Amino acid sequence: MRAWIYRLFFRLLNSFFVLPAFRIGLGRVVSNPVTGRVMVLILKGRRTGRTRYTPVGYAIMNGRVYCYRGERSQGAWYLNLLAEPQLEVMLPDGRIRGQAEEVTDDDERFAALRQILKNGGLSGFIHGFNPWTVEEGVLRERMREVAVIRITPEGPLSLRDR
């Protein structure tokens, strides 16, 4: 299928289902082991200054929240995040404020990436391998261009690692 069809499908799904569910407190319904763990980034637009909402897959490790940017996409949300790393995040269990930065340590980056893909439910297989069983070398080769973002909460993260 063509990439634009996927983008259109996810834009409609996010706009008419995921975001409304999070806004009315049903984040746990949308974010689950089958459909994947989803959070919503609340970002400031780098050009307009307007508030932007972006659902992304995530993992929590060592009290920090991780997400990733697709390998073939710069994505407006990613560029907004680089321009203004202070953000708010809607997790299924509540909101946090934090500081975002790109992970530069490869061991941390690939550990987080593997966990995000495992948390992705069925969508975790989108890259053509099983995130639970793929060898480390294969994961690193296939995902070498993928940027991973670490969000450090302003206060203690009361949610368990997942």
N, C-alpha and C. Protein backbone atom coordinates (compact mmCIF):
# COMPACT_ATOMS: atom_id res chain seq x y z
N MET A 1 0.84 -1.17 0.00
CA MET A 1 0.00 0.00 0.00
C MET A 1 0.89 1.24 0.00
N ARG A 2 0.43 2.28 -0.56
CA ARG A 2 1.22 3.50 -0.65
C ARG A 2 1.27 4.24 0.69
N ALA A 3 2.36 4.93 0.89
CA ALA A 3 2.60 5.63 2.16
C ALA A 3 1.52 6.67 2.45
N TRP A 4 1.05 7.37 1.44
CA TRP A 4 0.05 8.41 1.67
C TRP A 4 -1.26 7.83 2.19
N ILE A 5 -1.57 6.61 1.80
CA ILE A 5 -2.79 5.96 2.30
C ILE A 5 -2.66 5.67 3.79
N TYR A 6 -1.49 5.16 4.21
CA TYR A 6 -1.24 4.93 5.63
C TYR A 6 -1.35 6.23 6.42
N ARG A 7 -0.73 7.29 5.92
CA ARG A 7 -0.77 8.57 6.62
C ARG A 7 -2.20 9.08 6.74
N LEU A 8 -2.98 8.98 5.68
CA LEU A 8 -4.37 9.41 5.71
C LEU A 8 -5.17 8.58 6.72
N PHE A 9 -4.98 7.25 6.68
CA PHE A 9 -5.69 6.37 7.61
C PHE A 9 -5.39 6.76 9.06
N PHE A 10 -4.10 6.92 9.39
CA PHE A 10 -3.73 7.24 10.77
C PHE A 10 -4.15 8.65 11.16
N ARG A 11 -4.12 9.58 10.23
CA ARG A 11 -4.58 10.94 10.54
C ARG A 11 -6.07 10.92 10.90
N LEU A 12 -6.87 10.18 10.14
CA LEU A 12 -8.30 10.09 10.43
C LEU A 12 -8.55 9.34 11.75
N LEU A 13 -7.86 8.22 11.93
CA LEU A 13 -7.99 7.44 13.17
C LEU A 13 -7.64 8.29 14.38
N ASN A 14 -6.52 9.00 14.30
CA ASN A 14 -6.09 9.83 15.42
C ASN A 14 -7.05 10.98 15.69
N SER A 15 -7.50 11.64 14.62
CA SER A 15 -8.37 12.81 14.78
C SER A 15 -9.75 12.47 15.31
N PHE A 16 -10.31 11.35 14.85
CA PHE A 16 -11.70 11.04 15.18
C PHE A 16 -11.89 9.96 16.24
N PHE A 17 -10.80 9.32 16.66
CA PHE A 17 -10.94 8.27 17.67
C PHE A 17 -9.95 8.42 18.81
N VAL A 18 -8.66 8.43 18.51
CA VAL A 18 -7.64 8.43 19.57
C VAL A 18 -7.69 9.71 20.40
N LEU A 19 -7.59 10.87 19.77
CA LEU A 19 -7.59 12.13 20.51
C LEU A 19 -8.88 12.35 21.31
N PRO A 20 -10.06 12.15 20.71
CA PRO A 20 -11.27 12.31 21.51
C PRO A 20 -11.32 11.35 22.71
N ALA A 21 -10.85 10.12 22.53
CA ALA A 21 -10.85 9.16 23.64
C ALA A 21 -9.95 9.66 24.78
N PHE A 22 -8.78 10.14 24.46
CA PHE A 22 -7.88 10.66 25.50
C PHE A 22 -8.48 11.88 26.18
N ARG A 23 -9.10 12.75 25.40
CA ARG A 23 -9.65 13.99 25.96
C ARG A 23 -10.78 13.73 26.96
N ILE A 24 -11.53 12.65 26.77
CA ILE A 24 -12.63 12.36 27.70
C ILE A 24 -12.24 11.32 28.75
N GLY A 25 -10.93 11.04 28.85
CA GLY A 25 -10.46 10.15 29.90
C GLY A 25 -10.49 8.67 29.58
N LEU A 26 -10.59 8.32 28.30
CA LEU A 26 -10.63 6.91 27.92
C LEU A 26 -9.31 6.45 27.28
N GLY A 27 -8.22 7.04 27.71
CA GLY A 27 -6.91 6.67 27.17
C GLY A 27 -6.59 5.20 27.37
N ARG A 28 -7.04 4.63 28.48
CA ARG A 28 -6.79 3.20 28.74
C ARG A 28 -7.49 2.30 27.73
N VAL A 29 -8.60 2.75 27.19
CA VAL A 29 -9.32 1.96 26.19
C VAL A 29 -8.54 1.93 24.88
N VAL A 30 -8.00 3.07 24.50
CA VAL A 30 -7.25 3.19 23.25
C VAL A 30 -5.87 2.56 23.36
N SER A 31 -5.25 2.73 24.51
CA SER A 31 -3.88 2.26 24.74
C SER A 31 -3.93 0.94 25.48
N ASN A 32 -3.69 -0.15 24.75
CA ASN A 32 -3.76 -1.48 25.37
C ASN A 32 -2.79 -2.43 24.66
N PRO A 33 -2.59 -3.62 25.19
CA PRO A 33 -1.61 -4.53 24.59
C PRO A 33 -1.92 -4.97 23.15
N VAL A 34 -3.17 -4.95 22.73
CA VAL A 34 -3.51 -5.38 21.38
C VAL A 34 -3.30 -4.26 20.36
N THR A 35 -3.86 -3.10 20.63
CA THR A 35 -3.72 -1.99 19.69
C THR A 35 -2.39 -1.26 19.87
N GLY A 36 -1.75 -1.48 21.00
CA GLY A 36 -0.47 -0.85 21.29
C GLY A 36 -0.61 0.24 22.34
N ARG A 37 0.48 0.47 23.04
CA ARG A 37 0.53 1.53 24.05
C ARG A 37 0.66 2.86 23.33
N VAL A 38 -0.28 3.75 23.57
CA VAL A 38 -0.32 5.04 22.88
C VAL A 38 -0.38 6.15 23.92
N MET A 39 0.34 7.23 23.65
CA MET A 39 0.26 8.45 24.45
C MET A 39 0.05 9.60 23.47
N VAL A 40 -0.29 10.76 24.00
CA VAL A 40 -0.49 11.93 23.15
C VAL A 40 0.49 13.01 23.58
N LEU A 41 1.33 13.44 22.64
CA LEU A 41 2.24 14.55 22.89
C LEU A 41 1.48 15.85 22.68
N ILE A 42 1.64 16.78 23.60
CA ILE A 42 1.03 18.11 23.47
C ILE A 42 2.19 19.07 23.24
N LEU A 43 2.28 19.54 22.01
CA LEU A 43 3.42 20.34 21.57
C LEU A 43 3.00 21.72 21.13
N LYS A 44 3.97 22.62 21.12
CA LYS A 44 3.74 23.97 20.60
C LYS A 44 4.27 24.01 19.17
N GLY A 45 3.45 24.45 18.23
CA GLY A 45 3.87 24.57 16.84
C GLY A 45 5.04 25.52 16.69
N ARG A 46 6.07 25.11 15.98
CA ARG A 46 7.28 25.92 15.86
C ARG A 46 7.07 27.20 15.04
N ARG A 47 6.11 27.19 14.14
CA ARG A 47 5.86 28.38 13.31
C ARG A 47 4.65 29.16 13.80
N THR A 48 3.61 28.46 14.22
CA THR A 48 2.36 29.14 14.59
C THR A 48 2.25 29.41 16.08
N GLY A 49 2.93 28.61 16.89
CA GLY A 49 2.78 28.73 18.34
C GLY A 49 1.52 28.07 18.86
N ARG A 50 0.74 27.48 17.96
CA ARG A 50 -0.52 26.83 18.36
C ARG A 50 -0.24 25.47 19.00
N THR A 51 -1.14 25.04 19.83
CA THR A 51 -1.02 23.74 20.49
C THR A 51 -1.34 22.64 19.50
N ARG A 52 -0.49 21.63 19.47
CA ARG A 52 -0.63 20.49 18.57
C ARG A 52 -0.69 19.21 19.39
N TYR A 53 -1.52 18.27 18.97
CA TYR A 53 -1.69 16.98 19.66
C TYR A 53 -1.26 15.86 18.71
N THR A 54 -0.35 15.01 19.19
CA THR A 54 0.17 13.95 18.34
C THR A 54 0.21 12.63 19.09
N PRO A 55 -0.62 11.65 18.71
CA PRO A 55 -0.55 10.32 19.32
C PRO A 55 0.67 9.56 18.79
N VAL A 56 1.40 8.93 19.69
CA VAL A 56 2.57 8.12 19.32
C VAL A 56 2.65 6.91 20.25
N GLY A 57 3.33 5.87 19.78
CA GLY A 57 3.61 4.73 20.63
C GLY A 57 4.69 5.10 21.63
N TYR A 58 4.73 4.39 22.76
CA TYR A 58 5.69 4.75 23.79
C TYR A 58 6.08 3.56 24.65
N ALA A 59 7.11 3.80 25.46
CA ALA A 59 7.52 2.86 26.51
C ALA A 59 8.01 3.70 27.68
N ILE A 60 7.83 3.16 28.87
CA ILE A 60 8.35 3.79 30.08
C ILE A 60 9.46 2.89 30.60
N MET A 61 10.64 3.49 30.78
CA MET A 61 11.79 2.75 31.29
C MET A 61 12.56 3.65 32.24
N ASN A 62 12.88 3.13 33.42
CA ASN A 62 13.70 3.87 34.39
C ASN A 62 13.15 5.27 34.68
N GLY A 63 11.83 5.37 34.78
CA GLY A 63 11.21 6.63 35.13
C GLY A 63 11.15 7.67 34.03
N ARG A 64 11.48 7.26 32.82
CA ARG A 64 11.41 8.16 31.67
C ARG A 64 10.50 7.58 30.61
N VAL A 65 9.98 8.45 29.75
CA VAL A 65 9.07 8.04 28.69
C VAL A 65 9.82 8.15 27.36
N TYR A 66 9.68 7.12 26.52
CA TYR A 66 10.37 7.10 25.23
C TYR A 66 9.36 6.95 24.09
N CYS A 67 9.66 7.59 22.98
CA CYS A 67 8.91 7.41 21.74
C CYS A 67 9.90 7.52 20.59
N TYR A 68 9.46 7.22 19.38
CA TYR A 68 10.39 7.33 18.25
C TYR A 68 9.74 7.96 17.04
N ARG A 69 10.62 8.48 16.19
CA ARG A 69 10.23 9.09 14.93
C ARG A 69 10.52 8.08 13.83
N GLY A 70 9.58 7.88 12.93
CA GLY A 70 9.77 6.94 11.83
C GLY A 70 11.00 7.26 11.00
N GLU A 71 11.60 6.23 10.42
CA GLU A 71 12.87 6.42 9.72
C GLU A 71 12.77 7.25 8.45
N ARG A 72 11.61 7.28 7.82
CA ARG A 72 11.49 7.99 6.55
C ARG A 72 10.78 9.33 6.68
N SER A 73 10.54 9.74 7.88
CA SER A 73 9.73 10.93 8.07
C SER A 73 10.40 11.89 9.04
N GLN A 74 10.45 13.16 8.69
CA GLN A 74 10.88 14.17 9.66
C GLN A 74 9.72 14.48 10.58
N GLY A 75 8.51 14.47 10.07
CA GLY A 75 7.32 14.68 10.88
C GLY A 75 7.27 16.05 11.52
N ALA A 76 6.16 16.74 11.36
CA ALA A 76 6.00 18.06 11.96
C ALA A 76 6.13 17.99 13.48
N TRP A 77 5.60 16.92 14.10
CA TRP A 77 5.67 16.82 15.55
C TRP A 77 7.12 16.74 16.02
N TYR A 78 7.95 16.04 15.28
CA TYR A 78 9.36 15.89 15.63
C TYR A 78 10.09 17.23 15.52
N LEU A 79 9.83 17.96 14.45
CA LEU A 79 10.44 19.27 14.27
C LEU A 79 9.95 20.26 15.33
N ASN A 80 8.67 20.17 15.69
CA ASN A 80 8.14 21.00 16.77
C ASN A 80 8.83 20.68 18.10
N LEU A 81 9.05 19.41 18.34
CA LEU A 81 9.70 18.95 19.57
C LEU A 81 11.14 19.46 19.65
N LEU A 82 11.85 19.40 18.54
CA LEU A 82 13.23 19.91 18.53
C LEU A 82 13.27 21.41 18.79
N ALA A 83 12.28 22.15 18.25
CA ALA A 83 12.23 23.59 18.43
C ALA A 83 11.83 23.98 19.85
N GLU A 84 10.95 23.19 20.47
CA GLU A 84 10.46 23.49 21.82
C GLU A 84 10.38 22.18 22.61
N PRO A 85 11.47 21.79 23.28
CA PRO A 85 11.51 20.49 23.94
C PRO A 85 10.69 20.38 25.23
N GLN A 86 10.22 21.51 25.76
CA GLN A 86 9.36 21.47 26.94
C GLN A 86 7.96 21.09 26.46
N LEU A 87 7.36 20.05 27.03
CA LEU A 87 6.07 19.60 26.54
C LEU A 87 5.23 18.99 27.64
N GLU A 88 4.01 18.69 27.28
CA GLU A 88 3.09 17.96 28.15
C GLU A 88 2.73 16.68 27.42
N VAL A 89 2.50 15.61 28.18
CA VAL A 89 2.18 14.31 27.61
C VAL A 89 0.92 13.77 28.28
N MET A 90 -0.03 13.31 27.46
CA MET A 90 -1.20 12.60 27.98
C MET A 90 -0.91 11.11 27.90
N LEU A 91 -0.71 10.50 29.06
CA LEU A 91 -0.57 9.06 29.14
C LEU A 91 -1.93 8.47 29.48
N PRO A 92 -2.13 7.18 29.28
CA PRO A 92 -3.44 6.60 29.59
C PRO A 92 -3.88 6.83 31.03
N ASP A 93 -2.92 6.95 31.95
CA ASP A 93 -3.25 7.11 33.37
C ASP A 93 -3.15 8.54 33.88
N GLY A 94 -2.84 9.50 33.01
CA GLY A 94 -2.75 10.88 33.47
C GLY A 94 -1.76 11.68 32.64
N ARG A 95 -1.60 12.95 33.03
CA ARG A 95 -0.73 13.86 32.29
C ARG A 95 0.56 14.12 33.07
N ILE A 96 1.61 14.37 32.31
CA ILE A 96 2.87 14.80 32.89
C ILE A 96 3.44 15.93 32.06
N ARG A 97 4.31 16.71 32.67
CA ARG A 97 5.10 17.71 31.95
C ARG A 97 6.53 17.21 31.97
N GLY A 98 7.26 17.54 30.89
CA GLY A 98 8.63 17.07 30.84
C GLY A 98 9.47 17.77 29.81
N GLN A 99 10.72 17.36 29.77
CA GLN A 99 11.72 17.88 28.84
C GLN A 99 12.10 16.74 27.90
N ALA A 100 12.04 16.99 26.60
CA ALA A 100 12.35 15.97 25.60
C ALA A 100 13.73 16.21 25.00
N GLU A 101 14.39 15.10 24.67
CA GLU A 101 15.67 15.18 23.98
C GLU A 101 15.88 13.90 23.20
N GLU A 102 16.66 14.00 22.13
CA GLU A 102 16.97 12.84 21.33
C GLU A 102 18.00 11.99 22.06
N VAL A 103 17.82 10.68 22.05
CA VAL A 103 18.75 9.76 22.70
C VAL A 103 19.93 9.55 21.77
N THR A 104 21.13 9.77 22.28
CA THR A 104 22.33 9.62 21.46
C THR A 104 23.11 8.35 21.79
N ASP A 105 22.92 7.79 22.97
CA ASP A 105 23.60 6.55 23.35
C ASP A 105 22.92 5.37 22.65
N ASP A 106 23.66 4.64 21.82
CA ASP A 106 23.05 3.56 21.04
C ASP A 106 22.45 2.45 21.89
N ASP A 107 23.09 2.07 22.99
CA ASP A 107 22.53 1.00 23.83
C ASP A 107 21.18 1.42 24.41
N GLU A 108 21.10 2.64 24.91
CA GLU A 108 19.83 3.14 25.45
C GLU A 108 18.80 3.27 24.33
N ARG A 109 19.23 3.78 23.19
CA ARG A 109 18.31 4.00 22.05
C ARG A 109 17.69 2.69 21.59
N PHE A 110 18.50 1.66 21.40
CA PHE A 110 17.95 0.40 20.89
C PHE A 110 17.17 -0.37 21.95
N ALA A 111 17.55 -0.24 23.23
CA ALA A 111 16.75 -0.86 24.29
C ALA A 111 15.36 -0.22 24.34
N ALA A 112 15.32 1.12 24.25
CA ALA A 112 14.04 1.82 24.25
C ALA A 112 13.23 1.49 23.01
N LEU A 113 13.88 1.45 21.87
CA LEU A 113 13.20 1.15 20.62
C LEU A 113 12.58 -0.24 20.64
N ARG A 114 13.32 -1.21 21.12
CA ARG A 114 12.78 -2.57 21.23
C ARG A 114 11.54 -2.58 22.13
N GLN A 115 11.60 -1.87 23.27
CA GLN A 115 10.47 -1.87 24.19
C GLN A 115 9.26 -1.15 23.59
N ILE A 116 9.50 -0.06 22.87
CA ILE A 116 8.39 0.65 22.20
C ILE A 116 7.72 -0.28 21.20
N LEU A 117 8.52 -0.99 20.42
CA LEU A 117 7.96 -1.91 19.42
C LEU A 117 7.21 -3.06 20.10
N LYS A 118 7.74 -3.58 21.20
CA LYS A 118 7.03 -4.63 21.95
C LYS A 118 5.69 -4.10 22.46
N ASN A 119 5.70 -2.86 22.92
CA ASN A 119 4.46 -2.24 23.42
C ASN A 119 3.49 -1.89 22.31
N GLY A 120 3.94 -1.97 21.06
CA GLY A 120 3.13 -1.55 19.93
C GLY A 120 2.00 -2.48 19.56
N GLY A 121 1.84 -3.59 20.28
CA GLY A 121 0.78 -4.53 19.92
C GLY A 121 1.01 -5.03 18.51
N LEU A 122 -0.04 -5.14 17.75
CA LEU A 122 0.07 -5.62 16.37
C LEU A 122 0.90 -4.69 15.50
N SER A 123 0.88 -3.39 15.80
CA SER A 123 1.65 -2.45 14.99
C SER A 123 3.15 -2.57 15.26
N GLY A 124 3.54 -3.28 16.31
CA GLY A 124 4.95 -3.50 16.59
C GLY A 124 5.65 -4.33 15.53
N PHE A 125 4.86 -4.99 14.68
CA PHE A 125 5.42 -5.84 13.62
C PHE A 125 5.53 -5.10 12.28
N ILE A 126 5.22 -3.82 12.25
CA ILE A 126 5.16 -3.05 11.01
C ILE A 126 6.50 -2.97 10.28
N HIS A 127 7.60 -3.15 10.98
CA HIS A 127 8.92 -3.04 10.35
C HIS A 127 9.41 -4.35 9.75
N GLY A 128 8.55 -5.38 9.76
CA GLY A 128 8.90 -6.63 9.10
C GLY A 128 9.63 -7.64 9.96
N PHE A 129 9.60 -7.45 11.28
CA PHE A 129 10.20 -8.43 12.18
C PHE A 129 9.43 -8.46 13.49
N ASN A 130 9.64 -9.53 14.24
CA ASN A 130 9.00 -9.69 15.54
C ASN A 130 9.88 -9.00 16.59
N PRO A 131 9.39 -7.93 17.22
CA PRO A 131 10.22 -7.20 18.18
C PRO A 131 10.60 -8.03 19.41
N TRP A 132 9.87 -9.09 19.67
CA TRP A 132 10.15 -9.94 20.83
C TRP A 132 11.33 -10.88 20.57
N THR A 133 11.53 -11.29 19.30
CA THR A 133 12.53 -12.32 19.02
C THR A 133 13.65 -11.87 18.07
N VAL A 134 13.54 -10.69 17.49
CA VAL A 134 14.55 -10.25 16.53
C VAL A 134 15.92 -10.15 17.21
N GLU A 135 16.93 -10.61 16.50
CA GLU A 135 18.30 -10.51 17.03
C GLU A 135 18.72 -9.05 17.11
N GLU A 136 19.55 -8.75 18.07
CA GLU A 136 19.99 -7.37 18.30
C GLU A 136 20.63 -6.76 17.05
N GLY A 137 21.45 -7.53 16.35
CA GLY A 137 22.10 -7.01 15.14
C GLY A 137 21.12 -6.63 14.06
N VAL A 138 20.07 -7.44 13.89
CA VAL A 138 19.04 -7.16 12.89
C VAL A 138 18.26 -5.90 13.28
N LEU A 139 17.91 -5.80 14.56
CA LEU A 139 17.20 -4.61 15.04
C LEU A 139 18.03 -3.35 14.78
N ARG A 140 19.30 -3.41 15.11
CA ARG A 140 20.16 -2.24 14.93
C ARG A 140 20.34 -1.88 13.46
N GLU A 141 20.44 -2.87 12.61
CA GLU A 141 20.62 -2.60 11.18
C GLU A 141 19.35 -2.00 10.56
N ARG A 142 18.21 -2.61 10.85
CA ARG A 142 16.95 -2.14 10.24
C ARG A 142 16.49 -0.80 10.79
N MET A 143 16.84 -0.50 12.03
CA MET A 143 16.32 0.70 12.68
C MET A 143 17.41 1.75 12.91
N ARG A 144 18.51 1.67 12.19
CA ARG A 144 19.66 2.56 12.45
C ARG A 144 19.35 4.03 12.21
N GLU A 145 18.38 4.33 11.34
CA GLU A 145 18.04 5.73 11.03
C GLU A 145 16.92 6.29 11.90
N VAL A 146 16.42 5.49 12.81
CA VAL A 146 15.27 5.90 13.63
C VAL A 146 15.74 6.70 14.84
N ALA A 147 15.17 7.88 15.01
CA ALA A 147 15.48 8.71 16.17
C ALA A 147 14.56 8.33 17.33
N VAL A 148 15.14 8.19 18.51
CA VAL A 148 14.38 7.89 19.72
C VAL A 148 14.42 9.12 20.61
N ILE A 149 13.27 9.46 21.16
CA ILE A 149 13.12 10.63 22.01
C ILE A 149 12.92 10.18 23.46
N ARG A 150 13.66 10.79 24.38
CA ARG A 150 13.52 10.53 25.81
C ARG A 150 12.83 11.74 26.43
N ILE A 151 11.78 11.49 27.18
CA ILE A 151 11.08 12.56 27.89
C ILE A 151 11.32 12.35 29.38
N THR A 152 11.97 13.32 29.99
CA THR A 152 12.24 13.26 31.42
C THR A 152 11.18 14.09 32.12
N PRO A 153 10.35 13.44 32.94
CA PRO A 153 9.28 14.17 33.65
C PRO A 153 9.84 15.20 34.62
N GLU A 154 9.10 16.28 34.83
CA GLU A 154 9.50 17.31 35.78
C GLU A 154 9.48 16.78 37.20
N GLY A 155 8.54 15.90 37.50
CA GLY A 155 8.45 15.31 38.83
C GLY A 155 8.55 13.81 38.72
N PRO A 156 8.39 13.12 39.84
CA PRO A 156 8.46 11.65 39.79
C PRO A 156 7.36 11.07 38.91
N LEU A 157 7.71 10.08 38.15
CA LEU A 157 6.74 9.39 37.29
C LEU A 157 6.15 8.26 38.11
N SER A 158 4.88 8.35 38.44
CA SER A 158 4.27 7.37 39.34
C SER A 158 3.79 6.12 38.62
N LEU A 159 3.96 6.07 37.30
CA LEU A 159 3.52 4.92 36.54
C LEU A 159 4.62 3.89 36.49
N ARG A 160 4.26 2.63 36.50
CA ARG A 160 5.28 1.57 36.44
C ARG A 160 5.87 1.49 35.05
N ASP A 161 7.10 0.97 34.97
CA ASP A 161 7.74 0.78 33.67
C ASP A 161 6.93 -0.20 32.83
N ARG A 162 6.76 0.15 31.56
CA ARG A 162 6.09 -0.77 30.64
C ARG A 162 6.43 -0.42 29.23
